[in-house]
Amino acid sequence: MIQEISAKKLKKIKNQGQVLSVFDNMESLKKLSLLFGILFSSIIPSQKVKSDIGLGIMLGDPTGISGKLWIKEKDAVSLGASWSVIRERLTLLGSYNREIEIKTEIKEGKLFFYPGVGVFVGIPSSFGVYIPLGLDFNFNKAPINIFFEIDPGTKILPETSFSIFGYIGARYIFK
């Protein structure tokens, strides 16, 4: 629970060598994750123009299951449930992406660059924000999407630090 602490008491705690953390328990992390989930879901428009869903795998850090829902011609929501070998934890990722087509001579499909904004939750106890930067290739004649993504970000809880994810993957597109 968040408590008000006077500046004098805070100074006394710091002088005693104790570490003060407002988010020492999982309950606070759960509440914050729920808040960001509600805020994140509110950016999804109610009227869908495109509703393709992709489901597949991602390999790298983290490695796991990847899903993508195209909600408009150029907008998508990506989700991931994965294991981070480096951080040794379960990581849940969610981002909103804007796809920008890259004109190429490739006849087999279309290439897109996508920037976005996302949140991640490391279980048992971390939370942060990231900026997904990726490339998507959608095949014309097969319902397959391949992608590469790098995600610089900031871990906010339990302490503030730089974070980065990177992976490649493939998804089957259900139309």
N, C-alpha and C. Protein backbone atom coordinates (compact mmCIF):
# COMPACT_ATOMS: atom_id res chain seq x y z
N MET A 1 0.85 -1.17 0.00
CA MET A 1 0.00 0.00 0.00
C MET A 1 0.90 1.24 0.00
N ILE A 2 0.51 2.25 -0.78
CA ILE A 2 1.28 3.49 -0.84
C ILE A 2 0.92 4.33 0.38
N GLN A 3 1.95 4.78 1.11
CA GLN A 3 1.75 5.58 2.29
C GLN A 3 2.45 6.91 2.12
N GLU A 4 1.86 7.95 2.73
CA GLU A 4 2.51 9.25 2.72
C GLU A 4 3.63 9.23 3.75
N ILE A 5 4.78 9.71 3.37
CA ILE A 5 5.92 9.75 4.27
C ILE A 5 6.48 11.16 4.25
N SER A 6 6.67 11.70 5.41
CA SER A 6 7.21 13.05 5.49
C SER A 6 8.67 13.05 5.06
N ALA A 7 9.14 14.20 4.62
CA ALA A 7 10.53 14.34 4.19
C ALA A 7 11.48 14.03 5.33
N LYS A 8 11.13 14.42 6.54
CA LYS A 8 11.97 14.18 7.71
C LYS A 8 12.08 12.67 7.98
N LYS A 9 10.94 11.94 7.90
CA LYS A 9 10.94 10.51 8.13
C LYS A 9 11.71 9.78 7.02
N LEU A 10 11.53 10.24 5.77
CA LEU A 10 12.24 9.64 4.65
C LEU A 10 13.74 9.78 4.83
N LYS A 11 14.20 10.95 5.27
CA LYS A 11 15.62 11.19 5.50
C LYS A 11 16.13 10.26 6.60
N LYS A 12 15.33 10.07 7.65
CA LYS A 12 15.71 9.19 8.75
C LYS A 12 15.85 7.75 8.26
N ILE A 13 14.91 7.30 7.42
CA ILE A 13 14.96 5.94 6.87
C ILE A 13 16.20 5.76 6.02
N LYS A 14 16.50 6.74 5.17
CA LYS A 14 17.69 6.65 4.32
C LYS A 14 18.96 6.62 5.16
N ASN A 15 18.99 7.41 6.22
CA ASN A 15 20.17 7.46 7.09
C ASN A 15 20.39 6.14 7.81
N GLN A 16 19.34 5.38 8.05
CA GLN A 16 19.46 4.09 8.72
C GLN A 16 19.88 2.99 7.75
N GLY A 17 20.06 3.34 6.50
CA GLY A 17 20.52 2.38 5.50
C GLY A 17 19.41 1.48 4.97
N GLN A 18 18.16 1.81 5.26
CA GLN A 18 17.05 1.01 4.77
C GLN A 18 16.69 1.44 3.35
N VAL A 19 16.23 0.51 2.56
CA VAL A 19 15.79 0.81 1.20
C VAL A 19 14.28 0.99 1.22
N LEU A 20 13.82 2.11 0.68
CA LEU A 20 12.39 2.38 0.63
C LEU A 20 11.89 2.14 -0.78
N SER A 21 10.88 1.31 -0.88
CA SER A 21 10.27 1.04 -2.17
C SER A 21 8.76 1.08 -2.01
N VAL A 22 8.10 1.91 -2.81
CA VAL A 22 6.65 2.00 -2.76
C VAL A 22 6.02 0.72 -3.30
N PHE A 23 6.73 0.01 -4.16
CA PHE A 23 6.18 -1.16 -4.83
C PHE A 23 6.85 -2.43 -4.32
N ASP A 24 6.91 -2.63 -3.01
CA ASP A 24 7.56 -3.80 -2.46
C ASP A 24 6.73 -5.07 -2.60
N ASN A 25 5.45 -4.95 -2.81
CA ASN A 25 4.65 -6.16 -2.87
C ASN A 25 4.04 -6.35 -4.25
N MET A 26 3.66 -7.59 -4.51
CA MET A 26 3.10 -7.94 -5.82
C MET A 26 1.74 -7.29 -6.06
N GLU A 27 1.00 -6.99 -4.99
CA GLU A 27 -0.32 -6.39 -5.13
C GLU A 27 -0.24 -5.05 -5.87
N SER A 28 0.76 -4.24 -5.52
CA SER A 28 0.92 -2.95 -6.19
C SER A 28 1.28 -3.14 -7.66
N LEU A 29 2.13 -4.12 -7.95
CA LEU A 29 2.50 -4.40 -9.34
C LEU A 29 1.29 -4.87 -10.13
N LYS A 30 0.44 -5.70 -9.54
CA LYS A 30 -0.76 -6.17 -10.22
C LYS A 30 -1.70 -5.00 -10.53
N LYS A 31 -1.87 -4.10 -9.57
CA LYS A 31 -2.75 -2.95 -9.79
C LYS A 31 -2.22 -2.05 -10.90
N LEU A 32 -0.91 -1.82 -10.91
CA LEU A 32 -0.31 -0.99 -11.94
C LEU A 32 -0.43 -1.65 -13.31
N SER A 33 -0.23 -2.97 -13.38
CA SER A 33 -0.37 -3.69 -14.65
C SER A 33 -1.80 -3.61 -15.16
N LEU A 34 -2.77 -3.75 -14.26
CA LEU A 34 -4.18 -3.64 -14.64
C LEU A 34 -4.49 -2.25 -15.18
N LEU A 35 -3.97 -1.23 -14.53
CA LEU A 35 -4.18 0.15 -14.98
C LEU A 35 -3.63 0.35 -16.39
N PHE A 36 -2.40 -0.11 -16.64
CA PHE A 36 -1.82 0.04 -17.97
C PHE A 36 -2.58 -0.80 -18.99
N GLY A 37 -3.08 -1.96 -18.59
CA GLY A 37 -3.89 -2.78 -19.49
C GLY A 37 -5.16 -2.08 -19.92
N ILE A 38 -5.81 -1.44 -18.97
CA ILE A 38 -7.04 -0.70 -19.28
C ILE A 38 -6.72 0.48 -20.20
N LEU A 39 -5.66 1.22 -19.88
CA LEU A 39 -5.28 2.36 -20.72
C LEU A 39 -4.88 1.89 -22.11
N PHE A 40 -4.13 0.78 -22.19
CA PHE A 40 -3.66 0.25 -23.46
C PHE A 40 -4.83 -0.22 -24.32
N SER A 41 -5.81 -0.89 -23.69
CA SER A 41 -6.94 -1.41 -24.46
C SER A 41 -7.86 -0.29 -24.95
N SER A 42 -7.81 0.87 -24.31
CA SER A 42 -8.68 1.97 -24.73
C SER A 42 -8.24 2.60 -26.04
N ILE A 43 -7.01 2.32 -26.51
CA ILE A 43 -6.57 2.91 -27.77
C ILE A 43 -7.02 2.07 -28.97
N ILE A 44 -7.58 0.89 -28.72
CA ILE A 44 -8.05 0.05 -29.82
C ILE A 44 -9.41 0.56 -30.28
N PRO A 45 -9.54 0.93 -31.54
CA PRO A 45 -10.81 1.45 -32.01
C PRO A 45 -11.91 0.39 -32.00
N SER A 46 -13.15 0.82 -31.80
CA SER A 46 -14.26 -0.13 -31.72
C SER A 46 -14.68 -0.64 -33.09
N GLN A 47 -14.45 0.14 -34.14
CA GLN A 47 -14.84 -0.28 -35.48
C GLN A 47 -13.60 -0.80 -36.21
N LYS A 48 -13.60 -2.09 -36.52
CA LYS A 48 -12.45 -2.70 -37.18
C LYS A 48 -12.58 -2.59 -38.68
N VAL A 49 -11.48 -2.23 -39.32
CA VAL A 49 -11.43 -2.19 -40.77
C VAL A 49 -10.84 -3.51 -41.27
N LYS A 50 -9.87 -4.02 -40.55
CA LYS A 50 -9.20 -5.25 -40.90
C LYS A 50 -9.09 -6.07 -39.63
N SER A 51 -9.31 -7.37 -39.70
CA SER A 51 -9.28 -8.16 -38.48
C SER A 51 -8.49 -9.45 -38.63
N ASP A 52 -7.40 -9.41 -39.37
CA ASP A 52 -6.54 -10.58 -39.49
C ASP A 52 -5.84 -10.82 -38.16
N ILE A 53 -5.68 -12.10 -37.83
CA ILE A 53 -5.01 -12.48 -36.60
C ILE A 53 -3.85 -13.40 -36.96
N GLY A 54 -2.67 -13.11 -36.42
CA GLY A 54 -1.51 -13.96 -36.64
C GLY A 54 -1.10 -14.61 -35.33
N LEU A 55 -0.71 -15.89 -35.41
CA LEU A 55 -0.25 -16.60 -34.23
C LEU A 55 0.97 -17.43 -34.61
N GLY A 56 2.04 -17.30 -33.80
CA GLY A 56 3.26 -18.02 -34.14
C GLY A 56 4.27 -18.01 -33.01
N ILE A 57 5.54 -18.03 -33.40
CA ILE A 57 6.62 -18.09 -32.42
C ILE A 57 7.59 -16.94 -32.62
N MET A 58 8.31 -16.62 -31.56
CA MET A 58 9.41 -15.66 -31.64
C MET A 58 10.62 -16.29 -30.96
N LEU A 59 11.78 -16.08 -31.58
CA LEU A 59 13.02 -16.66 -31.08
C LEU A 59 14.02 -15.55 -30.82
N GLY A 60 14.64 -15.57 -29.67
CA GLY A 60 15.62 -14.55 -29.28
C GLY A 60 15.51 -14.32 -27.80
N ASP A 61 15.55 -13.08 -27.40
CA ASP A 61 15.31 -12.76 -25.99
C ASP A 61 14.20 -11.75 -25.90
N PRO A 62 13.01 -12.18 -25.53
CA PRO A 62 12.60 -13.49 -25.06
C PRO A 62 12.17 -14.43 -26.19
N THR A 63 12.02 -15.71 -25.87
CA THR A 63 11.56 -16.75 -26.80
C THR A 63 10.20 -17.25 -26.35
N GLY A 64 9.24 -17.33 -27.29
CA GLY A 64 7.92 -17.80 -26.88
C GLY A 64 6.89 -17.71 -27.97
N ILE A 65 5.65 -17.45 -27.56
CA ILE A 65 4.50 -17.37 -28.46
C ILE A 65 4.25 -15.91 -28.80
N SER A 66 3.95 -15.66 -30.08
CA SER A 66 3.68 -14.31 -30.55
C SER A 66 2.32 -14.25 -31.24
N GLY A 67 1.58 -13.20 -30.94
CA GLY A 67 0.31 -12.98 -31.60
C GLY A 67 0.21 -11.56 -32.10
N LYS A 68 -0.54 -11.37 -33.18
CA LYS A 68 -0.72 -10.03 -33.73
C LYS A 68 -2.13 -9.91 -34.28
N LEU A 69 -2.78 -8.81 -33.94
CA LEU A 69 -4.12 -8.52 -34.42
C LEU A 69 -4.06 -7.22 -35.20
N TRP A 70 -4.35 -7.30 -36.51
CA TRP A 70 -4.40 -6.10 -37.33
C TRP A 70 -5.78 -5.49 -37.16
N ILE A 71 -5.85 -4.29 -36.60
CA ILE A 71 -7.14 -3.67 -36.30
C ILE A 71 -7.55 -2.64 -37.33
N LYS A 72 -6.62 -2.18 -38.11
CA LYS A 72 -6.86 -1.28 -39.24
C LYS A 72 -5.85 -1.64 -40.31
N GLU A 73 -5.95 -0.99 -41.43
CA GLU A 73 -5.04 -1.29 -42.54
C GLU A 73 -3.57 -1.15 -42.13
N LYS A 74 -3.27 -0.15 -41.30
CA LYS A 74 -1.87 0.10 -40.92
C LYS A 74 -1.61 0.00 -39.42
N ASP A 75 -2.60 -0.39 -38.64
CA ASP A 75 -2.46 -0.45 -37.19
C ASP A 75 -2.63 -1.88 -36.69
N ALA A 76 -1.82 -2.24 -35.69
CA ALA A 76 -1.89 -3.60 -35.15
C ALA A 76 -1.53 -3.60 -33.67
N VAL A 77 -1.99 -4.63 -33.01
CA VAL A 77 -1.64 -4.88 -31.62
C VAL A 77 -0.87 -6.19 -31.59
N SER A 78 0.32 -6.17 -30.99
CA SER A 78 1.14 -7.37 -30.86
C SER A 78 1.19 -7.80 -29.40
N LEU A 79 1.13 -9.12 -29.19
CA LEU A 79 1.22 -9.67 -27.84
C LEU A 79 2.21 -10.81 -27.84
N GLY A 80 2.90 -10.98 -26.72
CA GLY A 80 3.84 -12.09 -26.60
C GLY A 80 3.83 -12.65 -25.19
N ALA A 81 3.95 -13.95 -25.08
CA ALA A 81 4.13 -14.65 -23.81
C ALA A 81 5.38 -15.50 -23.99
N SER A 82 6.41 -15.19 -23.22
CA SER A 82 7.71 -15.79 -23.54
C SER A 82 8.58 -15.95 -22.31
N TRP A 83 9.65 -16.73 -22.50
CA TRP A 83 10.64 -16.96 -21.46
C TRP A 83 11.92 -16.23 -21.84
N SER A 84 12.43 -15.43 -20.93
CA SER A 84 13.69 -14.74 -21.14
C SER A 84 14.81 -15.56 -20.53
N VAL A 85 15.68 -16.10 -21.37
CA VAL A 85 16.80 -16.91 -20.90
C VAL A 85 17.80 -16.03 -20.14
N ILE A 86 18.02 -14.82 -20.61
CA ILE A 86 18.97 -13.91 -19.97
C ILE A 86 18.48 -13.47 -18.60
N ARG A 87 17.21 -13.11 -18.51
CA ARG A 87 16.65 -12.61 -17.25
C ARG A 87 16.04 -13.71 -16.39
N GLU A 88 15.93 -14.93 -16.95
CA GLU A 88 15.37 -16.10 -16.27
C GLU A 88 14.01 -15.81 -15.65
N ARG A 89 13.08 -15.37 -16.51
CA ARG A 89 11.73 -15.08 -16.05
C ARG A 89 10.75 -15.14 -17.21
N LEU A 90 9.49 -15.29 -16.86
CA LEU A 90 8.40 -15.21 -17.83
C LEU A 90 8.19 -13.74 -18.16
N THR A 91 8.05 -13.41 -19.43
CA THR A 91 7.85 -12.03 -19.85
C THR A 91 6.59 -11.95 -20.71
N LEU A 92 5.71 -11.02 -20.37
CA LEU A 92 4.52 -10.74 -21.16
C LEU A 92 4.71 -9.39 -21.83
N LEU A 93 4.52 -9.35 -23.14
CA LEU A 93 4.71 -8.13 -23.93
C LEU A 93 3.41 -7.74 -24.62
N GLY A 94 3.16 -6.45 -24.72
CA GLY A 94 2.01 -5.96 -25.47
C GLY A 94 2.33 -4.61 -26.08
N SER A 95 2.05 -4.44 -27.37
CA SER A 95 2.37 -3.17 -28.02
C SER A 95 1.34 -2.80 -29.08
N TYR A 96 1.26 -1.52 -29.34
CA TYR A 96 0.44 -0.96 -30.42
C TYR A 96 1.42 -0.47 -31.48
N ASN A 97 1.25 -0.94 -32.73
CA ASN A 97 2.20 -0.64 -33.80
C ASN A 97 1.52 0.04 -34.98
N ARG A 98 2.26 0.91 -35.66
CA ARG A 98 1.82 1.55 -36.90
C ARG A 98 2.72 1.04 -38.01
N GLU A 99 2.13 0.37 -39.01
CA GLU A 99 2.91 -0.19 -40.10
C GLU A 99 3.05 0.79 -41.25
N ILE A 100 4.28 0.89 -41.76
CA ILE A 100 4.61 1.76 -42.89
C ILE A 100 5.20 0.89 -43.98
N GLU A 101 4.54 0.85 -45.14
CA GLU A 101 5.01 -0.02 -46.22
C GLU A 101 6.31 0.51 -46.80
N ILE A 102 7.24 -0.41 -47.05
CA ILE A 102 8.51 -0.09 -47.70
C ILE A 102 8.40 -0.62 -49.13
N LYS A 103 8.49 0.25 -50.09
CA LYS A 103 8.38 -0.14 -51.50
C LYS A 103 9.63 -0.92 -51.89
N THR A 104 9.42 -2.14 -52.41
CA THR A 104 10.53 -2.99 -52.83
C THR A 104 10.21 -3.61 -54.18
N GLU A 105 11.18 -4.28 -54.74
CA GLU A 105 11.01 -5.00 -56.00
C GLU A 105 10.56 -6.44 -55.75
N ILE A 106 10.34 -6.82 -54.51
CA ILE A 106 9.94 -8.18 -54.16
C ILE A 106 8.49 -8.41 -54.58
N LYS A 107 8.26 -9.39 -55.42
CA LYS A 107 6.92 -9.67 -55.94
C LYS A 107 6.15 -10.64 -55.06
N GLU A 108 6.84 -11.38 -54.17
CA GLU A 108 6.21 -12.43 -53.37
C GLU A 108 5.42 -11.89 -52.17
N GLY A 109 5.57 -10.61 -51.87
CA GLY A 109 4.87 -10.07 -50.71
C GLY A 109 5.19 -8.61 -50.47
N LYS A 110 4.78 -8.13 -49.31
CA LYS A 110 4.99 -6.74 -48.93
C LYS A 110 5.83 -6.66 -47.67
N LEU A 111 6.70 -5.65 -47.63
CA LEU A 111 7.59 -5.40 -46.49
C LEU A 111 7.12 -4.15 -45.77
N PHE A 112 7.05 -4.23 -44.45
CA PHE A 112 6.61 -3.10 -43.64
C PHE A 112 7.62 -2.82 -42.53
N PHE A 113 7.82 -1.54 -42.24
CA PHE A 113 8.54 -1.10 -41.04
C PHE A 113 7.47 -0.69 -40.04
N TYR A 114 7.67 -1.04 -38.77
CA TYR A 114 6.68 -0.60 -37.78
C TYR A 114 7.35 -0.11 -36.49
N PRO A 115 7.03 1.12 -36.12
CA PRO A 115 7.36 1.62 -34.78
C PRO A 115 6.11 1.47 -33.91
N GLY A 116 6.28 1.55 -32.62
CA GLY A 116 5.13 1.44 -31.73
C GLY A 116 5.44 1.86 -30.32
N VAL A 117 4.54 1.54 -29.45
CA VAL A 117 4.71 1.78 -28.02
C VAL A 117 4.14 0.56 -27.30
N GLY A 118 4.84 0.11 -26.24
CA GLY A 118 4.38 -1.09 -25.57
C GLY A 118 4.73 -1.13 -24.10
N VAL A 119 4.18 -2.13 -23.43
CA VAL A 119 4.47 -2.39 -22.02
C VAL A 119 4.88 -3.84 -21.86
N PHE A 120 5.70 -4.12 -20.84
CA PHE A 120 6.05 -5.50 -20.53
C PHE A 120 5.95 -5.72 -19.03
N VAL A 121 5.63 -6.97 -18.70
CA VAL A 121 5.59 -7.40 -17.31
C VAL A 121 6.47 -8.64 -17.21
N GLY A 122 7.47 -8.57 -16.34
CA GLY A 122 8.31 -9.72 -16.06
C GLY A 122 7.80 -10.37 -14.79
N ILE A 123 7.53 -11.65 -14.87
CA ILE A 123 6.97 -12.33 -13.71
C ILE A 123 8.10 -13.09 -13.03
N PRO A 124 8.41 -12.79 -11.76
CA PRO A 124 7.44 -12.39 -10.78
C PRO A 124 7.30 -10.90 -10.53
N SER A 125 8.27 -10.04 -10.82
CA SER A 125 8.10 -8.69 -10.27
C SER A 125 8.78 -7.56 -11.04
N SER A 126 8.56 -7.42 -12.32
CA SER A 126 9.08 -6.24 -13.00
C SER A 126 8.05 -5.71 -13.99
N PHE A 127 8.18 -4.44 -14.30
CA PHE A 127 7.24 -3.76 -15.19
C PHE A 127 8.01 -2.68 -15.93
N GLY A 128 7.69 -2.47 -17.21
CA GLY A 128 8.37 -1.42 -17.96
C GLY A 128 7.64 -1.06 -19.24
N VAL A 129 8.22 -0.12 -19.94
CA VAL A 129 7.69 0.34 -21.22
C VAL A 129 8.78 0.18 -22.28
N TYR A 130 8.38 0.02 -23.54
CA TYR A 130 9.36 -0.14 -24.60
C TYR A 130 8.84 0.43 -25.91
N ILE A 131 9.76 0.61 -26.85
CA ILE A 131 9.44 1.11 -28.19
C ILE A 131 9.79 0.02 -29.19
N PRO A 132 8.78 -0.73 -29.67
CA PRO A 132 9.08 -1.76 -30.66
C PRO A 132 9.45 -1.14 -32.02
N LEU A 133 10.53 -1.61 -32.59
CA LEU A 133 10.97 -1.20 -33.93
C LEU A 133 11.18 -2.48 -34.71
N GLY A 134 10.40 -2.67 -35.77
CA GLY A 134 10.49 -3.96 -36.45
C GLY A 134 10.25 -3.91 -37.94
N LEU A 135 10.49 -5.06 -38.55
CA LEU A 135 10.21 -5.29 -39.97
C LEU A 135 9.29 -6.49 -40.07
N ASP A 136 8.23 -6.35 -40.86
CA ASP A 136 7.26 -7.41 -41.13
C ASP A 136 7.27 -7.71 -42.61
N PHE A 137 7.26 -8.98 -42.96
CA PHE A 137 7.09 -9.36 -44.37
C PHE A 137 5.87 -10.27 -44.46
N ASN A 138 4.89 -9.85 -45.25
CA ASN A 138 3.66 -10.61 -45.46
C ASN A 138 3.67 -11.18 -46.87
N PHE A 139 3.58 -12.50 -46.96
CA PHE A 139 3.57 -13.17 -48.26
C PHE A 139 2.22 -12.99 -48.94
N ASN A 140 2.24 -12.81 -50.26
CA ASN A 140 1.01 -12.64 -51.03
C ASN A 140 0.23 -13.94 -51.17
N LYS A 141 0.92 -15.05 -51.45
CA LYS A 141 0.24 -16.30 -51.77
C LYS A 141 0.16 -17.29 -50.61
N ALA A 142 0.73 -16.96 -49.49
CA ALA A 142 0.69 -17.86 -48.32
C ALA A 142 0.31 -17.03 -47.10
N PRO A 143 -0.48 -17.58 -46.19
CA PRO A 143 -0.89 -16.83 -45.00
C PRO A 143 0.20 -16.84 -43.92
N ILE A 144 1.39 -16.39 -44.32
CA ILE A 144 2.55 -16.39 -43.42
C ILE A 144 3.09 -14.96 -43.29
N ASN A 145 3.48 -14.63 -42.08
CA ASN A 145 4.09 -13.34 -41.75
C ASN A 145 5.39 -13.65 -41.03
N ILE A 146 6.52 -13.10 -41.51
CA ILE A 146 7.79 -13.23 -40.79
C ILE A 146 8.20 -11.85 -40.31
N PHE A 147 8.92 -11.80 -39.20
CA PHE A 147 9.24 -10.50 -38.62
C PHE A 147 10.55 -10.52 -37.87
N PHE A 148 11.12 -9.33 -37.72
CA PHE A 148 12.30 -9.07 -36.90
C PHE A 148 11.96 -7.85 -36.06
N GLU A 149 12.31 -7.89 -34.79
CA GLU A 149 11.97 -6.75 -33.92
C GLU A 149 13.05 -6.54 -32.88
N ILE A 150 13.32 -5.28 -32.59
CA ILE A 150 14.20 -4.88 -31.49
C ILE A 150 13.43 -3.86 -30.66
N ASP A 151 13.50 -4.03 -29.33
CA ASP A 151 12.66 -3.25 -28.43
C ASP A 151 13.47 -2.56 -27.33
N PRO A 152 13.99 -1.37 -27.59
CA PRO A 152 14.62 -0.64 -26.48
C PRO A 152 13.54 -0.12 -25.53
N GLY A 153 13.85 -0.12 -24.25
CA GLY A 153 12.85 0.34 -23.29
C GLY A 153 13.43 0.66 -21.94
N THR A 154 12.54 0.89 -21.01
CA THR A 154 12.91 1.22 -19.63
C THR A 154 12.13 0.34 -18.68
N LYS A 155 12.86 -0.37 -17.83
CA LYS A 155 12.21 -1.10 -16.75
C LYS A 155 11.93 -0.07 -15.66
N ILE A 156 10.69 -0.03 -15.19
CA ILE A 156 10.28 0.95 -14.19
C ILE A 156 10.27 0.34 -12.79
N LEU A 157 9.82 -0.91 -12.70
CA LEU A 157 9.74 -1.58 -11.41
C LEU A 157 10.53 -2.87 -11.45
N PRO A 158 11.19 -3.33 -10.46
CA PRO A 158 11.26 -2.73 -9.14
C PRO A 158 12.26 -1.57 -9.04
N GLU A 159 13.14 -1.44 -10.04
CA GLU A 159 14.01 -0.26 -10.09
C GLU A 159 14.06 0.20 -11.54
N THR A 160 14.47 1.42 -11.75
CA THR A 160 14.53 1.98 -13.10
C THR A 160 15.86 1.60 -13.74
N SER A 161 15.77 1.01 -14.94
CA SER A 161 16.98 0.64 -15.68
C SER A 161 16.64 0.47 -17.16
N PHE A 162 17.67 0.49 -18.00
CA PHE A 162 17.51 0.28 -19.43
C PHE A 162 17.18 -1.18 -19.68
N SER A 163 16.35 -1.43 -20.69
CA SER A 163 15.98 -2.79 -21.05
C SER A 163 15.95 -2.90 -22.57
N ILE A 164 16.27 -4.06 -23.09
CA ILE A 164 16.18 -4.27 -24.53
C ILE A 164 15.81 -5.73 -24.81
N PHE A 165 14.92 -5.91 -25.78
CA PHE A 165 14.54 -7.23 -26.26
C PHE A 165 14.86 -7.28 -27.74
N GLY A 166 15.08 -8.46 -28.27
CA GLY A 166 15.31 -8.62 -29.70
C GLY A 166 14.97 -10.03 -30.13
N TYR A 167 14.24 -10.17 -31.24
CA TYR A 167 13.83 -11.49 -31.68
C TYR A 167 13.41 -11.49 -33.15
N ILE A 168 13.37 -12.70 -33.70
CA ILE A 168 12.82 -12.94 -35.04
C ILE A 168 11.65 -13.91 -34.84
N GLY A 169 10.77 -13.98 -35.82
CA GLY A 169 9.66 -14.89 -35.66
C GLY A 169 8.84 -15.08 -36.91
N ALA A 170 7.87 -15.94 -36.80
CA ALA A 170 6.95 -16.22 -37.90
C ALA A 170 5.56 -16.48 -37.32
N ARG A 171 4.55 -16.06 -38.07
CA ARG A 171 3.16 -16.25 -37.64
C ARG A 171 2.32 -16.80 -38.80
N TYR A 172 1.36 -17.64 -38.47
CA TYR A 172 0.35 -18.06 -39.43
C TYR A 172 -0.79 -17.05 -39.33
N ILE A 173 -1.27 -16.54 -40.46
CA ILE A 173 -2.31 -15.51 -40.48
C ILE A 173 -3.68 -16.16 -40.73
N PHE A 174 -4.57 -15.98 -39.75
CA PHE A 174 -5.95 -16.45 -39.89
C PHE A 174 -6.78 -15.30 -40.40
N LYS A 175 -7.39 -15.45 -41.57
CA LYS A 175 -8.18 -14.37 -42.17
C LYS A 175 -9.65 -14.60 -41.98
